[in-house]
Amino acid sequence: MKIAVASVGTTLDSPVDLRFGRARHFVLFDEETNTTAIVDNIVNLNAAQGAGIQAAKTVADSGAGALIAGHLGPKAYTALNAVGVKVYSVAGGTIAEAVKQFQAGSLSAMTAPDVEGHW
């Protein structure tokens, strides 16, 4: 499975971005090949509105089956849920740490958004 992680930077040592829709990048980790790819989210970084929905489309289009981020608003959560991307929340740390937590089964899937829109 491919796991998208909202990220401030472009490496596994980069911090997880706590704001999903306005994350600068998504690091896409492929569990089958143990490789990463970078998905740019610059177009949504400074969007006046709709950043979460557009970022959700970007993640879905990347082929990710799971997303790890700090927080998700209602529109982004609904969009990801509609296309079958499972969402997991972390409080911080690096991309590598978040992926390890996911693989160890220590992250719980979100069942609802955890912040208001335009957070």
Protein backbone atom coordinates (compact mmCIF):
# COMPACT_ATOMS: atom_id res chain seq x y z
CA MET A 1 0.00 0.00 0.00
CA LYS A 2 1.04 3.59 -0.56
CA ILE A 3 0.91 5.87 2.47
CA ALA A 4 0.77 9.64 1.98
CA VAL A 5 2.14 11.73 4.83
CA ALA A 6 1.58 15.49 5.06
CA SER A 7 5.06 16.95 5.25
CA VAL A 8 6.97 20.15 5.76
CA GLY A 9 9.90 18.80 3.71
CA THR A 10 10.87 16.16 1.19
CA THR A 11 12.68 13.48 3.20
CA LEU A 12 11.78 10.82 5.74
CA ASP A 13 13.49 13.01 8.37
CA SER A 14 11.12 15.92 7.63
CA PRO A 15 8.48 16.83 10.22
CA VAL A 16 4.87 15.80 9.68
CA ASP A 17 2.82 18.86 8.73
CA LEU A 18 -0.04 19.27 11.18
CA ARG A 19 -2.19 21.17 8.65
CA PHE A 20 -3.25 18.72 5.96
CA GLY A 21 -4.72 21.02 3.31
CA ARG A 22 -1.88 23.47 3.51
CA ALA A 23 0.95 20.99 3.80
CA ARG A 24 3.83 21.93 1.48
CA HIS A 25 4.36 18.33 0.35
CA PHE A 26 3.07 14.81 0.72
CA VAL A 27 5.71 12.15 1.10
CA LEU A 28 4.34 9.03 -0.54
CA PHE A 29 5.80 5.88 1.02
CA ASP A 30 5.32 2.65 -0.95
CA GLU A 31 5.31 -0.32 1.43
CA GLU A 32 5.84 -2.85 -1.37
CA THR A 33 9.02 -1.29 -2.74
CA ASN A 34 10.17 0.58 0.38
CA THR A 35 10.56 3.73 -1.71
CA THR A 36 9.33 7.28 -1.44
CA ALA A 37 8.06 9.86 -3.90
CA ILE A 38 7.26 13.51 -3.33
CA VAL A 39 3.88 14.92 -4.23
CA ASP A 40 3.90 18.71 -4.37
CA ASN A 41 1.01 20.62 -2.78
CA ILE A 42 2.23 24.18 -3.40
CA VAL A 43 -0.93 25.12 -5.32
CA ASN A 44 -2.98 24.63 -2.15
CA LEU A 45 -0.49 26.11 0.30
CA ASN A 46 -1.83 29.66 -0.06
CA ALA A 47 -5.29 28.98 -1.50
CA ALA A 48 -7.97 31.37 -0.29
CA GLN A 49 -10.40 28.48 0.08
CA GLY A 50 -10.81 24.83 -0.87
CA ALA A 51 -7.27 23.81 0.15
CA GLY A 52 -8.44 20.69 2.01
CA ILE A 53 -10.65 19.42 -0.80
CA GLN A 54 -7.97 20.00 -3.43
CA ALA A 55 -5.29 18.41 -1.24
CA ALA A 56 -7.61 15.40 -0.78
CA LYS A 57 -7.87 15.11 -4.58
CA THR A 58 -4.08 15.30 -4.85
CA VAL A 59 -3.67 12.48 -2.31
CA ALA A 60 -6.35 10.34 -3.98
CA ASP A 61 -4.77 10.87 -7.41
CA SER A 62 -1.39 9.74 -6.01
CA GLY A 63 -2.78 6.24 -5.43
CA ALA A 64 -2.42 6.40 -1.65
CA GLY A 65 -4.62 4.06 0.36
CA ALA A 66 -3.84 5.80 3.64
CA LEU A 67 -3.02 9.31 4.77
CA ILE A 68 -1.17 10.42 7.89
CA ALA A 69 -1.48 14.05 8.96
CA GLY A 70 -1.87 16.15 12.07
CA HIS A 71 -5.43 17.38 11.61
CA LEU A 72 -8.21 17.25 9.02
CA GLY A 73 -11.22 19.48 8.54
CA PRO A 74 -14.69 18.26 7.58
CA LYS A 75 -14.52 18.78 3.81
CA ALA A 76 -11.12 17.13 3.43
CA TYR A 77 -12.18 14.23 5.65
CA THR A 78 -15.39 13.71 3.67
CA ALA A 79 -13.54 13.86 0.33
CA LEU A 80 -10.93 11.31 1.42
CA ASN A 81 -13.53 9.04 2.98
CA ALA A 82 -15.57 9.12 -0.26
CA VAL A 83 -12.65 7.71 -2.27
CA GLY A 84 -11.66 5.12 0.34
CA VAL A 85 -8.48 6.73 1.67
CA LYS A 86 -8.15 5.88 5.38
CA VAL A 87 -6.99 8.81 7.51
CA TYR A 88 -4.68 8.57 10.52
CA SER A 89 -3.68 11.41 12.85
CA VAL A 90 -0.36 11.96 14.59
CA ALA A 91 0.65 14.64 17.06
CA GLY A 92 4.00 15.33 15.39
CA GLY A 93 7.33 13.71 14.74
CA THR A 94 9.05 12.86 11.49
CA ILE A 95 7.70 11.15 8.40
CA ALA A 96 9.79 8.04 9.22
CA GLU A 97 8.39 7.89 12.76
CA ALA A 98 4.81 8.28 11.51
CA VAL A 99 5.25 5.49 8.95
CA LYS A 100 6.75 3.19 11.61
CA GLN A 101 3.81 3.90 13.93
CA PHE A 102 1.39 3.14 11.09
CA GLN A 103 3.13 -0.13 10.21
CA ALA A 104 3.21 -1.16 13.88
CA GLY A 105 -0.55 -0.63 14.08
CA SER A 106 -0.24 2.03 16.76
CA LEU A 107 -2.19 4.69 14.84
CA SER A 108 -5.97 4.58 14.92
CA ALA A 109 -8.02 5.51 11.88
CA MET A 110 -9.92 8.75 12.27
CA THR A 111 -13.69 8.35 12.30
CA ALA A 112 -14.48 12.05 11.97
CA PRO A 113 -12.70 15.35 11.25
CA ASP A 114 -10.90 16.77 14.25
CA VAL A 115 -10.84 20.49 13.43
CA GLU A 116 -13.26 23.01 11.96
CA GLY A 117 -12.97 24.12 8.35
CA HIS A 118 -10.46 26.93 7.61
CA TRP A 119 -8.35 25.86 10.58
